[in-house]
PDB file of N, CA and C in Angstrom:
ATOM      1  N   THR A   1      -5.944 -15.041  -8.546  1.00  0.00           N
ATOM      2  CA  THR A   1      -5.035 -13.697  -7.574  1.00  0.00           C
ATOM      3  C   THR A   1      -2.998 -13.907  -7.864  1.00  0.00           C
ATOM      4  N   LEU A   2      -3.218 -12.742  -8.185  1.00  0.00           N
ATOM      5  CA  LEU A   2      -1.534 -12.033  -8.574  1.00  0.00           C
ATOM      6  C   LEU A   2      -1.099 -11.731  -7.499  1.00  0.00           C
ATOM      7  N   LYS A   3       0.238 -11.550  -7.848  1.00  0.00           N
ATOM      8  CA  LYS A   3       0.977 -11.003  -6.680  1.00  0.00           C
ATOM      9  C   LYS A   3       1.681 -10.019  -8.140  1.00  0.00           C
ATOM     10  N   VAL A   4       1.288  -9.032  -7.651  1.00  0.00           N
ATOM     11  CA  VAL A   4       2.299  -7.759  -8.073  1.00  0.00           C
ATOM     12  C   VAL A   4       3.448  -6.546  -7.410  1.00  0.00           C
ATOM     13  N   PRO A   5       4.259  -6.772  -8.021  1.00  0.00           N
ATOM     14  CA  PRO A   5       5.005  -5.736  -6.760  1.00  0.00           C
ATOM     15  C   PRO A   5       4.835  -3.943  -6.664  1.00  0.00           C
ATOM     16  N   LEU A   6       4.957  -3.676  -5.635  1.00  0.00           N
ATOM     17  CA  LEU A   6       5.092  -2.639  -5.996  1.00  0.00           C
ATOM     18  C   LEU A   6       6.521  -1.441  -5.499  1.00  0.00           C
ATOM     19  N   ILE A   7       6.817  -1.065  -6.839  1.00  0.00           N
ATOM     20  CA  ILE A   7       8.253  -0.610  -6.507  1.00  0.00           C
ATOM     21  C   ILE A   7       8.110   1.106  -5.807  1.00  0.00           C
ATOM     22  N   TYR A   8       8.113   1.258  -4.894  1.00  0.00           N
ATOM     23  CA  TYR A   8       8.514   3.059  -4.245  1.00  0.00           C
ATOM     24  C   TYR A   8       9.637   3.016  -4.078  1.00  0.00           C
ATOM     25  N   ASN A   9      10.347   4.482  -4.668  1.00  0.00           N
ATOM     26  CA  ASN A   9      11.632   5.246  -4.514  1.00  0.00           C
ATOM     27  C   ASN A   9      11.029   6.050  -4.018  1.00  0.00           C
ATOM     28  N   CYS A  10      11.276   6.553  -2.535  1.00  0.00           N
ATOM     29  CA  CYS A  10      11.793   7.967  -2.346  1.00  0.00           C
ATOM     30  C   CYS A  10      12.960   7.891  -1.353  1.00  0.00           C
ATOM     31  N   PRO A  11      14.015   8.845  -1.942  1.00  0.00           N
ATOM     32  CA  PRO A  11      15.015   8.934  -0.958  1.00  0.00           C
ATOM     33  C   PRO A  11      15.235   9.800  -0.213  1.00  0.00           C
ATOM     34  N   GLY A  12      15.728   9.646   1.445  1.00  0.00           N
ATOM     35  CA  GLY A  12      15.464   9.651   2.249  1.00  0.00           C
ATOM     36  C   GLY A  12      15.060   9.342   2.820  1.00  0.00           C
ATOM     37  N   LEU A  13      13.702   8.479   2.850  1.00  0.00           N
ATOM     38  CA  LEU A  13      13.063   8.027   3.602  1.00  0.00           C
ATOM     39  C   LEU A  13      13.132   6.767   3.749  1.00  0.00           C
ATOM     40  N   ILE A  14      12.954   5.671   1.908  1.00  0.00           N
ATOM     41  CA  ILE A  14      13.071   4.718   2.334  1.00  0.00           C
ATOM     42  C   ILE A  14      14.737   4.557   2.626  1.00  0.00           C
ATOM     43  N   PRO A  15      15.005   3.327   3.156  1.00  0.00           N
ATOM     44  CA  PRO A  15      16.782   2.455   2.439  1.00  0.00           C
ATOM     45  C   PRO A  15      16.607   1.530   1.653  1.00  0.00           C
ATOM     46  N   LYS A  16      18.142   1.388   0.728  1.00  0.00           N
ATOM     47  CA  LYS A  16      18.446   0.899  -0.013  1.00  0.00           C
ATOM     48  C   LYS A  16      17.819   0.244   0.255  1.00  0.00           C
ATOM     49  N   GLY A  17      17.673  -1.199  -1.386  1.00  0.00           N
ATOM     50  CA  GLY A  17      17.310  -2.526  -1.094  1.00  0.00           C
ATOM     51  C   GLY A  17      16.304  -3.304   0.299  1.00  0.00           C
ATOM     52  N   ILE A  18      16.108  -1.488   1.046  1.00  0.00           N
ATOM     53  CA  ILE A  18      14.678  -3.125   2.133  1.00  0.00           C
ATOM     54  C   ILE A  18      13.286  -4.235   0.154  1.00  0.00           C
ATOM     55  N   GLU A  19      13.768  -4.708   0.948  1.00  0.00           N
ATOM     56  CA  GLU A  19      12.825  -5.431   0.861  1.00  0.00           C
ATOM     57  C   GLU A  19      11.166  -5.896   1.596  1.00  0.00           C
ATOM     58  N   ILE A  20       9.639  -5.332   1.317  1.00  0.00           N
ATOM     59  CA  ILE A  20       8.436  -5.332   2.149  1.00  0.00           C
ATOM     60  C   ILE A  20       7.657  -6.359   1.742  1.00  0.00           C
ATOM     61  N   ASN A  21       7.701  -8.089   2.029  1.00  0.00           N
ATOM     62  CA  ASN A  21       7.136  -8.583   1.910  1.00  0.00           C
ATOM     63  C   ASN A  21       5.145  -8.663   2.781  1.00  0.00           C
ATOM     64  N   LYS A  22       4.767  -8.118   1.792  1.00  0.00           N
ATOM     65  CA  LYS A  22       3.735  -8.182   2.612  1.00  0.00           C
ATOM     66  C   LYS A  22       1.992  -7.448   1.995  1.00  0.00           C
ATOM     67  N   GLN A  23       1.230  -8.726   1.904  1.00  0.00           N
ATOM     68  CA  GLN A  23       0.004  -8.056   1.251  1.00  0.00           C
ATOM     69  C   GLN A  23      -0.432  -6.165   1.302  1.00  0.00           C
ATOM     70  N   VAL A  24      -0.513  -5.798  -0.144  1.00  0.00           N
ATOM     71  CA  VAL A  24      -1.246  -4.101   0.618  1.00  0.00           C
ATOM     72  C   VAL A  24      -1.852  -4.459  -0.751  1.00  0.00           C
ATOM     73  N   ARG A  25      -2.929  -3.083  -0.574  1.00  0.00           N
ATOM     74  CA  ARG A  25      -4.020  -2.699  -2.045  1.00  0.00           C
ATOM     75  C   ARG A  25      -3.397  -1.996  -2.570  1.00  0.00           C
ATOM     76  N   THR A  26      -4.263  -1.601  -3.375  1.00  0.00           N
ATOM     77  CA  THR A  26      -3.983  -0.597  -4.536  1.00  0.00           C
ATOM     78  C   THR A  26      -4.339   0.705  -3.782  1.00  0.00           C
ATOM     79  N   ILE A  27      -5.578   1.090  -3.294  1.00  0.00           N
ATOM     80  CA  ILE A  27      -6.550   2.745  -2.342  1.00  0.00           C
ATOM     81  C   ILE A  27      -5.034   2.567  -1.752  1.00  0.00           C
ATOM     82  N   ASP A  28      -4.376   2.303  -0.440  1.00  0.00           N
ATOM     83  CA  ASP A  28      -2.830   2.137   0.049  1.00  0.00           C
ATOM     84  C   ASP A  28      -1.781   3.138  -0.910  1.00  0.00           C
ATOM     85  N   ILE A  29      -1.783   3.425  -2.104  1.00  0.00           N
ATOM     86  CA  ILE A  29      -0.723   4.429  -2.706  1.00  0.00           C
ATOM     87  C   ILE A  29      -1.466   5.690  -2.209  1.00  0.00           C
ATOM     88  N   LEU A  30      -2.305   6.255  -2.821  1.00  0.00           N
ATOM     89  CA  LEU A  30      -2.088   7.793  -2.497  1.00  0.00           C
ATOM     90  C   LEU A  30      -2.243   7.996  -1.402  1.00  0.00           C
ATOM     91  N   PRO A  31      -2.331   7.388   0.127  1.00  0.00           N
ATOM     92  CA  PRO A  31      -1.867   7.694   0.861  1.00  0.00           C
ATOM     93  C   PRO A  31      -0.669   7.546   1.020  1.00  0.00           C
ATOM     94  N   THR A  32      -0.279   6.863   0.996  1.00  0.00           N
ATOM     95  CA  THR A  32       1.322   6.853   1.069  1.00  0.00           C
ATOM     96  C   THR A  32       2.651   7.828  -0.086  1.00  0.00           C
ATOM     97  N   ILE A  33       1.424   8.200  -1.163  1.00  0.00           N
ATOM     98  CA  ILE A  33       2.340   9.632  -2.365  1.00  0.00           C
ATOM     99  C   ILE A  33       1.846   9.899  -1.026  1.00  0.00           C
ATOM    100  N   LEU A  34       0.864  11.009  -0.277  1.00  0.00           N
ATOM    101  CA  LEU A  34       0.210  12.217   0.133  1.00  0.00           C
ATOM    102  C   LEU A  34       1.405  12.463   1.555  1.00  0.00           C
ATOM    103  N   GLU A  35       1.366  11.584   2.445  1.00  0.00           N
ATOM    104  CA  GLU A  35       2.310  11.287   3.540  1.00  0.00           C
ATOM    105  C   GLU A  35       3.564  11.280   3.789  1.00  0.00           C
ATOM    106  N   THR A  36       4.169  10.864   2.236  1.00  0.00           N
ATOM    107  CA  THR A  36       4.552  10.529   1.326  1.00  0.00           C
ATOM    108  C   THR A  36       5.951  12.784   1.433  1.00  0.00           C
ATOM    109  N   ILE A  37       4.898  13.364   0.902  1.00  0.00           N
ATOM    110  CA  ILE A  37       5.289  14.766   0.085  1.00  0.00           C
ATOM    111  C   ILE A  37       4.699  16.104   1.472  1.00  0.00           C
ATOM    112  N   LYS A  38       4.196  15.271   2.243  1.00  0.00           N
ATOM    113  CA  LYS A  38       3.278  16.091   3.712  1.00  0.00           C
ATOM    114  C   LYS A  38       2.353  16.234   3.237  1.00  0.00           C
ATOM    115  N   ILE A  39       1.077  16.448   3.074  1.00  0.00           N
ATOM    116  CA  ILE A  39       0.537  16.246   2.006  1.00  0.00           C
ATOM    117  C   ILE A  39      -0.880  15.611   3.358  1.00  0.00           C
ATOM    118  N   ASP A  40      -1.758  16.602   4.005  1.00  0.00           N
ATOM    119  CA  ASP A  40      -2.974  15.530   4.312  1.00  0.00           C
ATOM    120  C   ASP A  40      -3.588  14.703   4.174  1.00  0.00           C
ATOM    121  N   ILE A  41      -4.042  13.823   4.026  1.00  0.00           N
ATOM    122  CA  ILE A  41      -4.770  12.444   3.879  1.00  0.00           C
ATOM    123  C   ILE A  41      -5.993  12.992   3.644  1.00  0.00           C
ATOM    124  N   PRO A  42      -6.550  12.977   2.949  1.00  0.00           N
ATOM    125  CA  PRO A  42      -8.743  13.287   3.723  1.00  0.00           C
ATOM    126  C   PRO A  42      -9.284  12.332   3.849  1.00  0.00           C
ATOM    127  N   LYS A  43     -10.440  12.591   4.795  1.00  0.00           N
ATOM    128  CA  LYS A  43     -10.575  11.584   5.718  1.00  0.00           C
ATOM    129  C   LYS A  43     -11.685  10.839   5.671  1.00  0.00           C
ATOM    130  N   PHE A  44     -12.461  11.056   4.015  1.00  0.00           N
ATOM    131  CA  PHE A  44     -12.497   9.729   2.959  1.00  0.00           C
ATOM    132  C   PHE A  44     -12.353   8.986   2.483  1.00  0.00           C
ATOM    133  N   ASN A  45     -10.209   9.128   2.760  1.00  0.00           N
ATOM    134  CA  ASN A  45      -9.815   8.556   2.175  1.00  0.00           C
ATOM    135  C   ASN A  45      -9.890   6.911   2.887  1.00  0.00           C
ATOM    136  N   GLN A  46     -10.319   5.637   2.038  1.00  0.00           N
ATOM    137  CA  GLN A  46     -10.274   3.877   2.543  1.00  0.00           C
ATOM    138  C   GLN A  46      -8.802   3.893   3.035  1.00  0.00           C
ATOM    139  N   GLY A  47      -7.897   3.881   2.431  1.00  0.00           N
ATOM    140  CA  GLY A  47      -6.488   3.646   2.330  1.00  0.00           C
ATOM    141  C   GLY A  47      -6.412   3.918   3.493  1.00  0.00           C
ATOM    142  N   ARG A  48      -4.683   3.312   3.843  1.00  0.00           N
ATOM    143  CA  ARG A  48      -4.274   3.815   5.384  1.00  0.00           C
ATOM    144  C   ARG A  48      -2.411   4.038   4.046  1.00  0.00           C
ATOM    145  N   SER A  49      -0.981   4.908   5.108  1.00  0.00           N
ATOM    146  CA  SER A  49       0.089   4.589   4.364  1.00  0.00           C
ATOM    147  C   SER A  49       0.169   3.866   4.453  1.00  0.00           C
ATOM    148  N   LEU A  50       1.497   3.793   3.822  1.00  0.00           N
ATOM    149  CA  LEU A  50       2.795   2.202   3.644  1.00  0.00           C
ATOM    150  C   LEU A  50       3.312   2.855   4.664  1.00  0.00           C
ATOM    151  N   ILE A  51       3.965   4.298   4.490  1.00  0.00           N
ATOM    152  CA  ILE A  51       5.109   4.330   5.793  1.00  0.00           C
ATOM    153  C   ILE A  51       5.224   4.268   7.055  1.00  0.00           C
ATOM    154  N   PRO A  52       4.372   3.434   7.229  1.00  0.00           N
ATOM    155  CA  PRO A  52       4.687   2.792   8.819  1.00  0.00           C
ATOM    156  C   PRO A  52       5.974   1.310   8.129  1.00  0.00           C
ATOM    157  N   LEU A  53       5.089   0.526   7.062  1.00  0.00           N
ATOM    158  CA  LEU A  53       5.976  -0.580   7.339  1.00  0.00           C
ATOM    159  C   LEU A  53       7.900   0.030   6.512  1.00  0.00           C
ATOM    160  N   MET A  54       7.360   0.783   5.596  1.00  0.00           N
ATOM    161  CA  MET A  54       9.184   0.797   5.192  1.00  0.00           C
ATOM    162  C   MET A  54       9.849   1.770   6.604  1.00  0.00           C
ATOM    163  N   GLU A  55       9.614   1.636   7.234  1.00  0.00           N
ATOM    164  CA  GLU A  55      10.065   2.612   8.373  1.00  0.00           C
ATOM    165  C   GLU A  55      10.306   1.198   9.416  1.00  0.00           C
ATOM    166  N   GLY A  56       9.725   0.034   9.610  1.00  0.00           N
ATOM    167  CA  GLY A  56      10.263  -1.118   9.458  1.00  0.00           C
ATOM    168  C   GLY A  56       8.851  -1.584  11.233  1.00  0.00           C
ATOM    169  N   LYS A  57       7.475  -0.656  10.760  1.00  0.00           N
ATOM    170  CA  LYS A  57       6.393  -1.004  11.914  1.00  0.00           C
ATOM    171  C   LYS A  57       5.392  -1.812  11.432  1.00  0.00           C
ATOM    172  N   LYS A  58       4.795  -2.036  12.468  1.00  0.00           N
ATOM    173  CA  LYS A  58       3.644  -2.801  11.787  1.00  0.00           C
ATOM    174  C   LYS A  58       2.823  -1.874  11.657  1.00  0.00           C
ATOM    175  N   LEU A  59       1.733  -1.992  10.607  1.00  0.00           N
ATOM    176  CA  LEU A  59       0.075  -1.708  10.538  1.00  0.00           C
ATOM    177  C   LEU A  59      -0.845  -1.658  11.478  1.00  0.00           C
ATOM    178  N   LYS A  60      -1.107  -0.195  12.138  1.00  0.00           N
ATOM    179  CA  LYS A  60      -1.878  -0.997  13.203  1.00  0.00           C
ATOM    180  C   LYS A  60      -3.196  -0.816  12.953  1.00  0.00           C
ATOM    181  N   ASP A  61      -3.752  -0.707  11.330  1.00  0.00           N
ATOM    182  CA  ASP A  61      -4.932  -1.366  11.356  1.00  0.00           C
ATOM    183  C   ASP A  61      -5.216  -1.848  10.523  1.00  0.00           C
ATOM    184  N   ALA A  62      -4.090  -3.222  10.100  1.00  0.00           N
ATOM    185  CA  ALA A  62      -3.984  -4.006   9.069  1.00  0.00           C
ATOM    186  C   ALA A  62      -5.178  -4.905   8.726  1.00  0.00           C
ATOM    187  N   GLU A  63      -6.155  -4.760   7.152  1.00  0.00           N
ATOM    188  CA  GLU A  63      -6.868  -5.373   6.950  1.00  0.00           C
ATOM    189  C   GLU A  63      -6.943  -6.393   6.109  1.00  0.00           C
ATOM    190  N   GLU A  64      -7.969  -7.368   6.083  1.00  0.00           N
ATOM    191  CA  GLU A  64      -7.779  -8.983   4.465  1.00  0.00           C
ATOM    192  C   GLU A  64      -8.418  -7.927   3.880  1.00  0.00           C
ATOM    193  N   SER A  65      -7.749  -8.324   2.731  1.00  0.00           N
ATOM    194  CA  SER A  65      -8.627  -8.158   1.249  1.00  0.00           C
ATOM    195  C   SER A  65      -9.112  -8.740   0.934  1.00  0.00           C
ATOM    196  N   TYR A  66     -10.047  -8.587   0.845  1.00  0.00           N
ATOM    197  CA  TYR A  66     -10.928  -9.475  -0.450  1.00  0.00           C
ATOM    198  C   TYR A  66     -11.650  -8.812  -1.830  1.00  0.00           C
ATOM    199  N   ALA A  67     -11.415  -9.540  -2.870  1.00  0.00           N
ATOM    200  CA  ALA A  67     -11.438  -9.348  -4.712  1.00  0.00           C
ATOM    201  C   ALA A  67     -12.605 -10.556  -5.486  1.00  0.00           C
ATOM    202  N   GLU A  68     -13.494 -10.978  -5.361  1.00  0.00           N
ATOM    203  CA  GLU A  68     -14.236 -11.571  -6.845  1.00  0.00           C
ATOM    204  C   GLU A  68     -14.093 -10.428  -8.073  1.00  0.00           C
ATOM    205  N   THR A  69     -14.939 -11.477  -9.048  1.00  0.00           N
ATOM    206  CA  THR A  69     -14.920 -10.771 -10.486  1.00  0.00           C
ATOM    207  C   THR A  69     -15.770 -11.923 -11.409  1.00  0.00           C
ATOM    208  N   TYR A  70     -16.236 -12.020 -12.058  1.00  0.00           N
ATOM    209  CA  TYR A  70     -18.143 -12.407 -12.690  1.00  0.00           C
ATOM    210  C   TYR A  70     -17.093 -12.482 -13.579  1.00  0.00           C
ATOM    211  N   PHE A  71     -16.671 -12.011 -15.095  1.00  0.00           N
ATOM    212  CA  PHE A  71     -16.175 -12.577 -15.201  1.00  0.00           C
ATOM    213  C   PHE A  71     -15.339 -13.737 -15.674  1.00  0.00           C
ATOM    214  N   PRO A  72     -14.535 -14.468 -15.358  1.00  0.00           N
ATOM    215  CA  PRO A  72     -14.251 -15.763 -15.027  1.00  0.00           C
ATOM    216  C   PRO A  72     -15.047 -16.446 -15.956  1.00  0.00           C
ATOM    217  N   LEU A  73     -16.798 -16.956 -15.160  1.00  0.00           N
ATOM    218  CA  LEU A  73     -17.729 -17.443 -15.342  1.00  0.00           C
ATOM    219  C   LEU A  73     -18.007 -17.115 -16.025  1.00  0.00           C
ATOM    220  N   ILE A  74     -17.563 -16.689 -17.414  1.00  0.00           N
ATOM    221  CA  ILE A  74     -18.276 -16.683 -19.121  1.00  0.00           C
ATOM    222  C   ILE A  74     -17.610 -16.666 -19.704  1.00  0.00           C
ATOM    223  N   ALA A  75     -18.102 -17.920 -20.900  1.00  0.00           N
ATOM    224  CA  ALA A  75     -17.194 -18.921 -21.777  1.00  0.00           C
ATOM    225  C   ALA A  75     -17.304 -18.367 -22.402  1.00  0.00           C
TER     226      ALA A  75
END
């Protein structure tokens, strides 16, 4: 498991110095960008916007994430 920081800069939307210690998924990045620039998020998109987190709210559809890989088993 890796914890990789996600840095998102959006002046006027995100207060300076805010830090959110939540797990997010890479599929959440596109809907976040689309909502930021006020473009509708396609219905087929599997991610969710992270804007509510940035506004201090909880995500109403928070999900667990699970991933695995076969490659560490190869010697």
